[in-house]
Amino acid sequence: MRDPVVVTLRDEASPWGIPAAVVFHTLLAAMLALMPLPKRPKRLDEERVSVDILTPQQFEASTRPPPTPVAPAVPEVREAAVPPLASSPPVSQPPTAAAMIRPTEMLSAKTLADPRSRQARADLATFASDERMVQLCNLEAMDQIRRWRTDFQPERVVPYATAQEKITGTTIAANGAAFRSRRNWYGLKFRCQLAGDGESVVGFEFLVGDLVPREKWDELGLPAVH
Protein backbone atom coordinates (compact mmCIF):
# COMPACT_ATOMS: atom_id res chain seq x y z
CA MET A 1 0.00 0.00 0.00
CA ARG A 2 1.39 3.40 -0.97
CA ASP A 3 2.46 5.65 1.83
CA PRO A 4 0.20 8.67 2.27
CA VAL A 5 1.45 11.94 1.02
CA VAL A 6 1.75 14.60 3.67
CA VAL A 7 1.55 18.30 3.00
CA THR A 8 2.95 20.78 5.50
CA LEU A 9 3.13 24.52 5.59
CA ARG A 10 6.60 25.88 6.33
CA ASP A 11 7.35 29.47 7.10
CA GLU A 12 10.63 30.38 5.43
CA ALA A 13 11.40 32.67 8.32
CA SER A 14 10.99 29.67 10.72
CA PRO A 15 12.80 26.56 9.33
CA TRP A 16 11.57 24.28 12.15
CA GLY A 17 8.00 23.85 10.69
CA ILE A 18 4.69 24.06 12.61
CA PRO A 19 4.16 20.78 14.51
CA ALA A 20 0.80 21.92 15.92
CA ALA A 21 -0.80 21.78 12.46
CA VAL A 22 0.35 18.22 11.69
CA VAL A 23 -3.00 16.48 12.28
CA PHE A 24 -4.98 19.00 10.32
CA HIS A 25 -2.60 18.87 7.42
CA THR A 26 -2.64 15.07 7.36
CA LEU A 27 -6.43 14.95 6.90
CA LEU A 28 -6.25 17.39 4.01
CA ALA A 29 -3.19 15.87 2.40
CA ALA A 30 -4.95 14.06 -0.44
CA MET A 31 -7.23 16.97 -1.24
CA LEU A 32 -4.41 19.47 -1.30
CA ALA A 33 -2.27 17.18 -3.41
CA LEU A 34 -4.94 17.16 -6.14
CA MET A 35 -6.09 20.75 -5.92
CA PRO A 36 -4.20 23.44 -7.77
CA LEU A 37 -2.32 25.76 -5.52
CA PRO A 38 -4.07 29.12 -5.11
CA LYS A 39 -2.27 32.16 -6.31
CA ARG A 40 -0.25 33.53 -3.41
CA PRO A 41 -0.60 37.19 -2.61
CA LYS A 42 2.44 39.32 -2.96
CA ARG A 43 4.01 39.80 0.42
CA LEU A 44 7.34 40.83 1.76
CA ASP A 45 10.03 38.14 1.45
CA GLU A 46 10.24 37.59 5.19
CA GLU A 47 6.47 36.84 5.36
CA ARG A 48 6.14 34.40 2.37
CA VAL A 49 4.91 30.87 3.06
CA SER A 50 5.97 27.97 0.85
CA VAL A 51 4.37 24.53 0.55
CA ASP A 52 6.42 21.35 0.79
CA ILE A 53 5.08 17.84 0.05
CA LEU A 54 6.68 15.34 2.39
CA THR A 55 6.56 11.56 2.82
CA PRO A 56 5.90 10.21 6.35
CA GLN A 57 9.63 9.56 6.75
CA GLN A 58 10.46 13.11 5.73
CA PHE A 59 7.75 14.47 8.01
CA GLU A 60 9.09 12.45 10.96
CA ALA A 61 12.54 13.69 10.28
CA SER A 62 11.28 17.28 10.10
CA THR A 63 9.70 17.02 13.56
CA ARG A 64 12.90 15.92 15.25
CA PRO A 65 14.88 18.60 17.11
CA PRO A 66 17.52 19.85 14.75
CA PRO A 67 21.12 19.33 15.71
CA THR A 68 22.86 22.25 17.29
CA PRO A 69 24.15 24.32 14.41
CA VAL A 70 27.86 24.61 14.23
CA ALA A 71 29.17 27.97 13.25
CA PRO A 72 31.04 27.70 10.00
CA ALA A 73 34.72 28.09 10.31
CA VAL A 74 35.74 31.55 9.36
CA PRO A 75 38.82 31.41 7.23
CA GLU A 76 41.69 33.31 8.75
CA VAL A 77 42.31 36.46 6.88
CA ARG A 78 45.88 37.46 6.80
CA GLU A 79 46.92 40.91 5.87
CA ALA A 80 48.86 41.03 2.70
CA ALA A 81 52.47 41.74 3.32
CA VAL A 82 53.18 45.34 2.48
CA PRO A 83 56.52 45.70 0.76
CA PRO A 84 58.80 48.13 2.58
CA LEU A 85 59.06 51.55 1.10
CA ALA A 86 62.15 52.14 -0.88
CA SER A 87 64.62 53.98 1.25
CA SER A 88 65.00 57.53 0.11
CA PRO A 89 68.47 58.97 -0.15
CA PRO A 90 69.27 61.16 2.82
CA VAL A 91 68.50 64.79 2.26
CA SER A 92 71.59 66.83 2.66
CA GLN A 93 71.23 69.47 5.31
CA PRO A 94 73.06 72.77 5.25
CA PRO A 95 76.03 72.75 7.55
CA THR A 96 75.24 73.95 11.04
CA ALA A 97 77.04 77.15 11.94
CA ALA A 98 79.61 76.62 14.65
CA ALA A 99 78.53 77.92 18.02
CA MET A 100 80.29 80.92 19.46
CA ILE A 101 82.39 80.33 22.57
CA ARG A 102 81.03 82.37 25.50
CA PRO A 103 83.47 82.65 28.42
CA THR A 104 81.98 83.40 31.82
CA GLU A 105 85.05 85.24 33.14
CA MET A 106 86.53 88.36 31.55
CA LEU A 107 90.36 88.46 31.56
CA SER A 108 91.56 91.77 30.10
CA ALA A 109 91.14 93.73 33.35
CA LYS A 110 93.43 91.31 35.20
CA THR A 111 96.00 91.49 32.43
CA LEU A 112 96.06 95.31 32.54
CA ALA A 113 96.29 95.27 36.33
CA ASP A 114 99.55 93.32 36.15
CA PRO A 115 102.59 95.54 36.83
CA ARG A 116 104.13 94.37 33.56
CA SER A 117 101.25 96.03 31.67
CA ARG A 118 102.06 99.55 32.87
CA GLN A 119 103.09 100.75 29.40
CA ALA A 120 99.94 99.24 27.86
CA ARG A 121 97.79 101.19 30.37
CA ALA A 122 99.64 104.37 29.52
CA ASP A 123 99.10 103.84 25.80
CA LEU A 124 95.38 103.18 26.22
CA ALA A 125 94.99 106.47 28.05
CA THR A 126 96.11 108.34 24.90
CA PHE A 127 93.54 106.76 22.57
CA ALA A 128 90.15 108.17 21.61
CA SER A 129 87.11 106.49 23.15
CA ASP A 130 86.24 104.20 20.21
CA GLU A 131 89.85 103.20 19.60
CA ARG A 132 90.34 102.46 23.30
CA MET A 133 87.28 100.18 23.30
CA VAL A 134 88.59 98.35 20.22
CA GLN A 135 91.99 97.81 21.85
CA LEU A 136 90.38 96.51 25.06
CA CYS A 137 88.35 94.01 22.99
CA ASN A 138 91.49 92.96 21.08
CA LEU A 139 93.24 92.30 24.38
CA GLU A 140 90.24 90.31 25.66
CA ALA A 141 90.29 88.24 22.46
CA MET A 142 93.97 87.32 22.89
CA ASP A 143 93.50 86.39 26.55
CA GLN A 144 90.40 84.26 25.87
CA ILE A 145 91.97 82.42 22.91
CA ARG A 146 95.09 81.67 24.96
CA ARG A 147 92.99 80.24 27.80
CA TRP A 148 90.75 78.30 25.41
CA ARG A 149 93.66 76.52 23.67
CA THR A 150 97.14 76.58 25.06
CA ASP A 151 98.66 75.69 21.67
CA PHE A 152 97.68 79.18 20.50
CA GLN A 153 99.90 82.08 21.60
CA PRO A 154 98.07 85.16 20.27
CA GLU A 155 100.29 88.25 20.02
CA ARG A 156 98.26 90.56 17.79
CA VAL A 157 94.66 91.05 16.63
CA VAL A 158 93.45 92.87 13.50
CA PRO A 159 89.68 93.44 13.86
CA TYR A 160 89.14 94.46 10.19
CA ALA A 161 91.02 91.77 8.18
CA THR A 162 88.14 90.74 5.90
CA ALA A 163 85.32 93.04 7.12
CA GLN A 164 85.20 96.30 8.99
CA GLU A 165 84.29 96.03 12.66
CA LYS A 166 81.05 97.67 13.80
CA ILE A 167 80.74 99.78 16.92
CA THR A 168 77.25 100.26 18.33
CA GLY A 169 77.28 102.16 21.60
CA THR A 170 79.54 100.09 23.81
CA THR A 171 79.26 96.91 21.70
CA ILE A 172 81.86 95.94 19.09
CA ALA A 173 81.16 93.23 16.49
CA ALA A 174 84.15 92.04 14.46
CA ASN A 175 83.04 89.35 12.00
CA GLY A 176 86.15 89.58 9.81
CA ALA A 177 88.97 89.77 12.33
CA ALA A 178 92.23 87.82 12.41
CA PHE A 179 94.90 87.05 15.01
CA ARG A 180 98.56 86.08 14.80
CA SER A 181 99.94 83.10 16.72
CA ARG A 182 103.29 81.32 16.30
CA ARG A 183 104.05 83.13 13.01
CA ASN A 184 100.66 82.32 11.46
CA TRP A 185 97.44 84.25 10.97
CA TYR A 186 94.03 82.76 11.74
CA GLY A 187 90.52 83.96 11.05
CA LEU A 188 88.56 85.28 14.03
CA LYS A 189 85.06 86.44 14.81
CA PHE A 190 84.11 88.11 18.09
CA ARG A 191 81.48 90.22 19.81
CA CYS A 192 82.60 92.38 22.72
CA GLN A 193 80.44 94.20 25.23
CA LEU A 194 81.98 96.98 27.33
CA ALA A 195 80.78 98.70 30.47
CA GLY A 196 78.84 101.93 30.17
CA ASP A 197 81.97 104.06 30.53
CA GLY A 198 83.79 101.98 27.89
CA GLU A 199 86.70 101.30 30.23
CA SER A 200 86.28 97.53 30.81
CA VAL A 201 84.93 94.43 29.06
CA VAL A 202 81.82 92.90 30.64
CA GLY A 203 80.84 90.36 27.98
CA PHE A 204 82.64 88.48 25.20
CA GLU A 205 82.11 85.67 22.70
CA PHE A 206 84.35 84.46 19.91
CA LEU A 207 84.95 81.88 17.21
CA VAL A 208 88.37 80.93 15.78
CA GLY A 209 88.47 80.38 12.03
CA ASP A 210 90.85 78.71 9.58
CA LEU A 211 94.50 79.36 8.91
CA VAL A 212 94.88 82.33 6.58
CA PRO A 213 97.06 81.41 3.54
CA ARG A 214 100.30 83.35 3.47
CA GLU A 215 99.69 84.59 -0.07
CA LYS A 216 96.65 86.53 1.23
CA TRP A 217 98.42 88.38 4.02
CA ASP A 218 99.27 91.46 1.97
CA GLU A 219 95.81 91.57 0.43
CA LEU A 220 94.20 91.53 3.90
CA GLY A 221 96.64 93.99 5.45
CA LEU A 222 98.15 91.40 7.77
CA PRO A 223 101.78 92.26 8.47
CA ALA A 224 104.34 89.58 7.71
CA VAL A 225 106.20 88.11 10.65
CA HIS A 226 109.88 89.08 10.76
C-alpha atoms as a PDB file:
ATOM      1  CA  MET A   1       0.000   0.000   0.000  1.00  0.00           C
ATOM      2  CA  ARG A   2       1.389   3.400  -0.969  1.00  0.00           C
ATOM      3  CA  ASP A   3       2.463   5.652   1.832  1.00  0.00           C
ATOM      4  CA  PRO A   4       0.200   8.673   2.272  1.00  0.00           C
ATOM      5  CA  VAL A   5       1.455  11.936   1.018  1.00  0.00           C
ATOM      6  CA  VAL A   6       1.750  14.604   3.672  1.00  0.00           C
ATOM      7  CA  VAL A   7       1.546  18.297   2.996  1.00  0.00           C
ATOM      8  CA  THR A   8       2.949  20.784   5.495  1.00  0.00           C
ATOM      9  CA  LEU A   9       3.129  24.522   5.586  1.00  0.00           C
ATOM     10  CA  ARG A  10       6.599  25.879   6.334  1.00  0.00           C
ATOM     11  CA  ASP A  11       7.346  29.473   7.101  1.00  0.00           C
ATOM     12  CA  GLU A  12      10.626  30.382   5.432  1.00  0.00           C
ATOM     13  CA  ALA A  13      11.400  32.674   8.325  1.00  0.00           C
ATOM     14  CA  SER A  14      10.985  29.673  10.719  1.00  0.00           C
ATOM     15  CA  PRO A  15      12.804  26.564   9.332  1.00  0.00           C
ATOM     16  CA  TRP A  16      11.566  24.275  12.148  1.00  0.00           C
ATOM     17  CA  GLY A  17       8.001  23.850  10.685  1.00  0.00           C
ATOM     18  CA  ILE A  18       4.690  24.063  12.608  1.00  0.00           C
ATOM     19  CA  PRO A  19       4.164  20.783  14.508  1.00  0.00           C
ATOM     20  CA  ALA A  20       0.798  21.918  15.916  1.00  0.00           C
ATOM     21  CA  ALA A  21      -0.802  21.778  12.464  1.00  0.00           C
ATOM     22  CA  VAL A  22       0.347  18.220  11.686  1.00  0.00           C
ATOM     23  CA  VAL A  23      -3.004  16.478  12.275  1.00  0.00           C
ATOM     24  CA  PHE A  24      -4.980  18.997  10.322  1.00  0.00           C
ATOM     25  CA  HIS A  25      -2.605  18.868   7.420  1.00  0.00           C
ATOM     26  CA  THR A  26      -2.635  15.070   7.365  1.00  0.00           C
ATOM     27  CA  LEU A  27      -6.428  14.948   6.899  1.00  0.00           C
ATOM     28  CA  LEU A  28      -6.247  17.393   4.014  1.00  0.00           C
ATOM     29  CA  ALA A  29      -3.189  15.871   2.395  1.00  0.00           C
ATOM     30  CA  ALA A  30      -4.945  14.057  -0.438  1.00  0.00           C
ATOM     31  CA  MET A  31      -7.227  16.974  -1.239  1.00  0.00           C
ATOM     32  CA  LEU A  32      -4.406  19.470  -1.301  1.00  0.00           C
ATOM     33  CA  ALA A  33      -2.273  17.182  -3.406  1.00  0.00           C
ATOM     34  CA  LEU A  34      -4.941  17.161  -6.137  1.00  0.00           C
ATOM     35  CA  MET A  35      -6.093  20.752  -5.916  1.00  0.00           C
ATOM     36  CA  PRO A  36      -4.205  23.442  -7.771  1.00  0.00           C
ATOM     37  CA  LEU A  37      -2.324  25.763  -5.516  1.00  0.00           C
ATOM     38  CA  PRO A  38      -4.073  29.120  -5.107  1.00  0.00           C
ATOM     39  CA  LYS A  39      -2.272  32.164  -6.308  1.00  0.00           C
ATOM     40  CA  ARG A  40      -0.250  33.526  -3.409  1.00  0.00           C
ATOM     41  CA  PRO A  41      -0.600  37.193  -2.611  1.00  0.00           C
ATOM     42  CA  LYS A  42       2.443  39.316  -2.965  1.00  0.00           C
ATOM     43  CA  ARG A  43       4.008  39.801   0.423  1.00  0.00           C
ATOM     44  CA  LEU A  44       7.341  40.826   1.761  1.00  0.00           C
ATOM     45  CA  ASP A  45      10.027  38.138   1.445  1.00  0.00           C
ATOM     46  CA  GLU A  46      10.239  37.595   5.188  1.00  0.00           C
ATOM     47  CA  GLU A  47       6.473  36.840   5.358  1.00  0.00           C
ATOM     48  CA  ARG A  48       6.138  34.404   2.373  1.00  0.00           C
ATOM     49  CA  VAL A  49       4.910  30.868   3.058  1.00  0.00           C
ATOM     50  CA  SER A  50       5.967  27.973   0.849  1.00  0.00           C
ATOM     51  CA  VAL A  51       4.367  24.528   0.551  1.00  0.00           C
ATOM     52  CA  ASP A  52       6.421  21.349   0.792  1.00  0.00           C
ATOM     53  CA  ILE A  53       5.078  17.843   0.050  1.00  0.00           C
ATOM     54  CA  LEU A  54       6.682  15.338   2.390  1.00  0.00           C
ATOM     55  CA  THR A  55       6.561  11.565   2.815  1.00  0.00           C
ATOM     56  CA  PRO A  56       5.904  10.207   6.350  1.00  0.00           C
ATOM     57  CA  GLN A  57       9.626   9.557   6.752  1.00  0.00           C
ATOM     58  CA  GLN A  58      10.461  13.106   5.728  1.00  0.00           C
ATOM     59  CA  PHE A  59       7.750  14.468   8.012  1.00  0.00           C
ATOM     60  CA  GLU A  60       9.088  12.452  10.959  1.00  0.00           C
ATOM     61  CA  ALA A  61      12.545  13.690  10.276  1.00  0.00           C
ATOM     62  CA  SER A  62      11.285  17.285  10.098  1.00  0.00           C
ATOM     63  CA  THR A  63       9.703  17.022  13.560  1.00  0.00           C
ATOM     64  CA  ARG A  64      12.903  15.924  15.254  1.00  0.00           C
ATOM     65  CA  PRO A  65      14.880  18.604  17.108  1.00  0.00           C
ATOM     66  CA  PRO A  66      17.521  19.845  14.747  1.00  0.00           C
ATOM     67  CA  PRO A  67      21.118  19.328  15.713  1.00  0.00           C
ATOM     68  CA  THR A  68      22.864  22.246  17.290  1.00  0.00           C
ATOM     69  CA  PRO A  69      24.147  24.323  14.415  1.00  0.00           C
ATOM     70  CA  VAL A  70      27.857  24.611  14.231  1.00  0.00           C
ATOM     71  CA  ALA A  71      29.165  27.969  13.250  1.00  0.00           C
ATOM     72  CA  PRO A  72      31.042  27.696   9.998  1.00  0.00           C
ATOM     73  CA  ALA A  73      34.722  28.088  10.313  1.00  0.00           C
ATOM     74  CA  VAL A  74      35.742  31.548   9.362  1.00  0.00           C
ATOM     75  CA  PRO A  75      38.824  31.410   7.230  1.00  0.00           C
ATOM     76  CA  GLU A  76      41.689  33.307   8.749  1.00  0.00           C
ATOM     77  CA  VAL A  77      42.308  36.459   6.879  1.00  0.00           C
ATOM     78  CA  ARG A  78      45.884  37.465   6.796  1.00  0.00           C
ATOM     79  CA  GLU A  79      46.918  40.910   5.875  1.00  0.00           C
ATOM     80  CA  ALA A  80      48.856  41.034   2.702  1.00  0.00           C
ATOM     81  CA  ALA A  81      52.471  41.744   3.316  1.00  0.00           C
ATOM     82  CA  VAL A  82      53.177  45.338   2.477  1.00  0.00           C
ATOM     83  CA  PRO A  83      56.524  45.698   0.763  1.00  0.00           C
ATOM     84  CA  PRO A  84      58.802  48.129   2.576  1.00  0.00           C
ATOM     85  CA  LEU A  85      59.059  51.549   1.098  1.00  0.00           C
ATOM     86  CA  ALA A  86      62.152  52.144  -0.885  1.00  0.00           C
ATOM     87  CA  SER A  87      64.616  53.979   1.253  1.00  0.00           C
ATOM     88  CA  SER A  88      65.003  57.528   0.111  1.00  0.00           C
ATOM     89  CA  PRO A  89      68.470  58.972  -0.146  1.00  0.00           C
ATOM     90  CA  PRO A  90      69.268  61.158   2.816  1.00  0.00           C
ATOM     91  CA  VAL A  91      68.499  64.788   2.260  1.00  0.00           C
ATOM     92  CA  SER A  92      71.587  66.832   2.656  1.00  0.00           C
ATOM     93  CA  GLN A  93      71.227  69.470   5.310  1.00  0.00           C
ATOM     94  CA  PRO A  94      73.057  72.771   5.247  1.00  0.00           C
ATOM     95  CA  PRO A  95      76.031  72.750   7.550  1.00  0.00           C
ATOM     96  CA  THR A  96      75.244  73.955  11.036  1.00  0.00           C
ATOM     97  CA  ALA A  97      77.037  77.154  11.939  1.00  0.00           C
ATOM     98  CA  ALA A  98      79.612  76.620  14.649  1.00  0.00           C
ATOM     99  CA  ALA A  99      78.530  77.916  18.018  1.00  0.00           C
ATOM    100  CA  MET A 100      80.294  80.917  19.458  1.00  0.00           C
ATOM    101  CA  ILE A 101      82.386  80.330  22.567  1.00  0.00           C
ATOM    102  CA  ARG A 102      81.034  82.367  25.503  1.00  0.00           C
ATOM    103  CA  PRO A 103      83.470  82.650  28.424  1.00  0.00           C
ATOM    104  CA  THR A 104      81.985  83.402  31.818  1.00  0.00           C
ATOM    105  CA  GLU A 105      85.049  85.245  33.139  1.00  0.00           C
ATOM    106  CA  MET A 106      86.532  88.356  31.547  1.00  0.00           C
ATOM    107  CA  LEU A 107      90.356  88.458  31.559  1.00  0.00           C
ATOM    108  CA  SER A 108      91.561  91.773  30.097  1.00  0.00           C
ATOM    109  CA  ALA A 109      91.138  93.732  33.353  1.00  0.00           C
ATOM    110  CA  LYS A 110      93.433  91.308  35.201  1.00  0.00           C
ATOM    111  CA  THR A 111      95.999  91.494  32.426  1.00  0.00           C
ATOM    112  CA  LEU A 112      96.061  95.309  32.538  1.00  0.00           C
ATOM    113  CA  ALA A 113      96.286  95.270  36.332  1.00  0.00           C
ATOM    114  CA  ASP A 114      99.547  93.315  36.149  1.00  0.00           C
ATOM    115  CA  PRO A 115     102.586  95.544  36.832  1.00  0.00           C
ATOM    116  CA  ARG A 116     104.131  94.371  33.564  1.00  0.00           C
ATOM    117  CA  SER A 117     101.252  96.025  31.674  1.00  0.00           C
ATOM    118  CA  ARG A 118     102.064  99.553  32.869  1.00  0.00           C
ATOM    119  CA  GLN A 119     103.090 100.746  29.403  1.00  0.00           C
ATOM    120  CA  ALA A 120      99.942  99.242  27.864  1.00  0.00           C
ATOM    121  CA  ARG A 121      97.792 101.185  30.370  1.00  0.00           C
ATOM    122  CA  ALA A 122      99.639 104.368  29.518  1.00  0.00           C
ATOM    123  CA  ASP A 123      99.102 103.838  25.804  1.00  0.00           C
ATOM    124  CA  LEU A 124      95.382 103.181  26.219  1.00  0.00           C
ATOM    125  CA  ALA A 125      94.987 106.469  28.046  1.00  0.00           C
ATOM    126  CA  THR A 126      96.109 108.340  24.899  1.00  0.00           C
ATOM    127  CA  PHE A 127      93.538 106.759  22.568  1.00  0.00           C
ATOM    128  CA  ALA A 128      90.151 108.166  21.608  1.00  0.00           C
ATOM    129  CA  SER A 129      87.109 106.491  23.153  1.00  0.00           C
ATOM    130  CA  ASP A 130      86.236 104.203  20.207  1.00  0.00           C
ATOM    131  CA  GLU A 131      89.853 103.198  19.599  1.00  0.00           C
ATOM    132  CA  ARG A 132      90.345 102.465  23.305  1.00  0.00           C
ATOM    133  CA  MET A 133      87.276 100.176  23.299  1.00  0.00           C
ATOM    134  CA  VAL A 134      88.595  98.350  20.216  1.00  0.00           C
ATOM    135  CA  GLN A 135      91.990  97.807  21.851  1.00  0.00           C
ATOM    136  CA  LEU A 136      90.375  96.514  25.056  1.00  0.00           C
ATOM    137  CA  CYS A 137      88.346  94.008  22.993  1.00  0.00           C
ATOM    138  CA  ASN A 138      91.491  92.958  21.082  1.00  0.00           C
ATOM    139  CA  LEU A 139      93.239  92.303  24.381  1.00  0.00           C
ATOM    140  CA  GLU A 140      90.237  90.313  25.658  1.00  0.00           C
ATOM    141  CA  ALA A 141      90.292  88.238  22.465  1.00  0.00           C
ATOM    142  CA  MET A 142      93.969  87.320  22.890  1.00  0.00           C
ATOM    143  CA  ASP A 143      93.501  86.391  26.553  1.00  0.00           C
ATOM    144  CA  GLN A 144      90.400  84.262  25.871  1.00  0.00           C
ATOM    145  CA  ILE A 145      91.973  82.418  22.912  1.00  0.00           C
ATOM    146  CA  ARG A 146      95.087  81.672  24.956  1.00  0.00           C
ATOM    147  CA  ARG A 147      92.993  80.237  27.805  1.00  0.00           C
ATOM    148  CA  TRP A 148      90.751  78.295  25.412  1.00  0.00           C
ATOM    149  CA  ARG A 149      93.656  76.519  23.667  1.00  0.00           C
ATOM    150  CA  THR A 150      97.143  76.581  25.058  1.00  0.00           C
ATOM    151  CA  ASP A 151      98.662  75.686  21.669  1.00  0.00           C
ATOM    152  CA  PHE A 152      97.680  79.181  20.503  1.00  0.00           C
ATOM    153  CA  GLN A 153      99.897  82.075  21.598  1.00  0.00           C
ATOM    154  CA  PRO A 154      98.073  85.161  20.273  1.00  0.00           C
ATOM    155  CA  GLU A 155     100.286  88.245  20.020  1.00  0.00           C
ATOM    156  CA  ARG A 156      98.255  90.558  17.794  1.00  0.00           C
ATOM    157  CA  VAL A 157      94.661  91.051  16.630  1.00  0.00           C
ATOM    158  CA  VAL A 158      93.450  92.874  13.504  1.00  0.00           C
ATOM    159  CA  PRO A 159      89.678  93.436  13.861  1.00  0.00           C
ATOM    160  CA  TYR A 160      89.135  94.462  10.193  1.00  0.00           C
ATOM    161  CA  ALA A 161      91.019  91.774   8.176  1.00  0.00           C
ATOM    162  CA  THR A 162      88.135  90.743   5.901  1.00  0.00           C
ATOM    163  CA  ALA A 163      85.324  93.036   7.122  1.00  0.00           C
ATOM    164  CA  GLN A 164      85.198  96.304   8.990  1.00  0.00           C
ATOM    165  CA  GLU A 165      84.293  96.029  12.662  1.00  0.00           C
ATOM    166  CA  LYS A 166      81.047  97.667  13.798  1.00  0.00           C
ATOM    167  CA  ILE A 167      80.742  99.784  16.915  1.00  0.00           C
ATOM    168  CA  THR A 168      77.245 100.263  18.330  1.00  0.00           C
ATOM    169  CA  GLY A 169      77.280 102.162  21.599  1.00  0.00           C
ATOM    170  CA  THR A 170      79.544 100.088  23.813  1.00  0.00           C
ATOM    171  CA  THR A 171      79.256  96.914  21.705  1.00  0.00           C
ATOM    172  CA  ILE A 172      81.857  95.938  19.095  1.00  0.00           C
ATOM    173  CA  ALA A 173      81.157  93.228  16.493  1.00  0.00           C
ATOM    174  CA  ALA A 174      84.152  92.040  14.460  1.00  0.00           C
ATOM    175  CA  ASN A 175      83.038  89.347  12.003  1.00  0.00           C
ATOM    176  CA  GLY A 176      86.145  89.578   9.812  1.00  0.00           C
ATOM    177  CA  ALA A 177      88.965  89.773  12.332  1.00  0.00           C
ATOM    178  CA  ALA A 178      92.230  87.816  12.413  1.00  0.00           C
ATOM    179  CA  PHE A 179      94.902  87.053  15.011  1.00  0.00           C
ATOM    180  CA  ARG A 180      98.564  86.085  14.802  1.00  0.00           C
ATOM    181  CA  SER A 181      99.939  83.104  16.723  1.00  0.00           C
ATOM    182  CA  ARG A 182     103.291  81.324  16.296  1.00  0.00           C
ATOM    183  CA  ARG A 183     104.053  83.133  13.013  1.00  0.00           C
ATOM    184  CA  ASN A 184     100.664  82.321  11.459  1.00  0.00           C
ATOM    185  CA  TRP A 185      97.438  84.251  10.973  1.00  0.00           C
ATOM    186  CA  TYR A 186      94.031  82.755  11.736  1.00  0.00           C
ATOM    187  CA  GLY A 187      90.523  83.963  11.047  1.00  0.00           C
ATOM    188  CA  LEU A 188      88.562  85.279  14.031  1.00  0.00           C
ATOM    189  CA  LYS A 189      85.062  86.445  14.815  1.00  0.00           C
ATOM    190  CA  PHE A 190      84.112  88.108  18.091  1.00  0.00           C
ATOM    191  CA  ARG A 191      81.483  90.220  19.811  1.00  0.00           C
ATOM    192  CA  CYS A 192      82.598  92.377  22.723  1.00  0.00           C
ATOM    193  CA  GLN A 193      80.435  94.203  25.233  1.00  0.00           C
ATOM    194  CA  LEU A 194      81.981  96.981  27.330  1.00  0.00           C
ATOM    195  CA  ALA A 195      80.779  98.697  30.474  1.00  0.00           C
ATOM    196  CA  GLY A 196      78.837 101.932  30.175  1.00  0.00           C
ATOM    197  CA  ASP A 197      81.974 104.059  30.526  1.00  0.00           C
ATOM    198  CA  GLY A 198      83.793 101.978  27.889  1.00  0.00           C
ATOM    199  CA  GLU A 199      86.700 101.298  30.235  1.00  0.00           C
ATOM    200  CA  SER A 200      86.276  97.531  30.815  1.00  0.00           C
ATOM    201  CA  VAL A 201      84.933  94.428  29.065  1.00  0.00           C
ATOM    202  CA  VAL A 202      81.819  92.896  30.645  1.00  0.00           C
ATOM    203  CA  GLY A 203      80.841  90.361  27.977  1.00  0.00           C
ATOM    204  CA  PHE A 204      82.644  88.482  25.201  1.00  0.00           C
ATOM    205  CA  GLU A 205      82.105  85.675  22.700  1.00  0.00           C
ATOM    206  CA  PHE A 206      84.351  84.461  19.907  1.00  0.00           C
ATOM    207  CA  LEU A 207      84.946  81.876  17.206  1.00  0.00           C
ATOM    208  CA  VAL A 208      88.365  80.926  15.780  1.00  0.00           C
ATOM    209  CA  GLY A 209      88.471  80.377  12.035  1.00  0.00           C
ATOM    210  CA  ASP A 210      90.845  78.712   9.582  1.00  0.00           C
ATOM    211  CA  LEU A 211      94.500  79.360   8.910  1.00  0.00           C
ATOM    212  CA  VAL A 212      94.879  82.330   6.580  1.00  0.00           C
ATOM    213  CA  PRO A 213      97.062  81.409   3.541  1.00  0.00           C
ATOM    214  CA  ARG A 214     100.299  83.349   3.468  1.00  0.00           C
ATOM    215  CA  GLU A 215      99.694  84.593  -0.069  1.00  0.00           C
ATOM    216  CA  LYS A 216      96.653  86.525   1.231  1.00  0.00           C
ATOM    217  CA  TRP A 217      98.417  88.376   4.025  1.00  0.00           C
ATOM    218  CA  ASP A 218      99.267  91.456   1.970  1.00  0.00           C
ATOM    219  CA  GLU A 219      95.809  91.573   0.428  1.00  0.00           C
ATOM    220  CA  LEU A 220      94.196  91.525   3.895  1.00  0.00           C
ATOM    221  CA  GLY A 221      96.644  93.990   5.453  1.00  0.00           C
ATOM    222  CA  LEU A 222      98.151  91.403   7.771  1.00  0.00           C
ATOM    223  CA  PRO A 223     101.777  92.264   8.468  1.00  0.00           C
ATOM    224  CA  ALA A 224     104.335  89.583   7.705  1.00  0.00           C
ATOM    225  CA  VAL A 225     106.200  88.109  10.645  1.00  0.00           C
ATOM    226  CA  HIS A 226     109.877  89.082  10.761  1.00  0.00           C
END
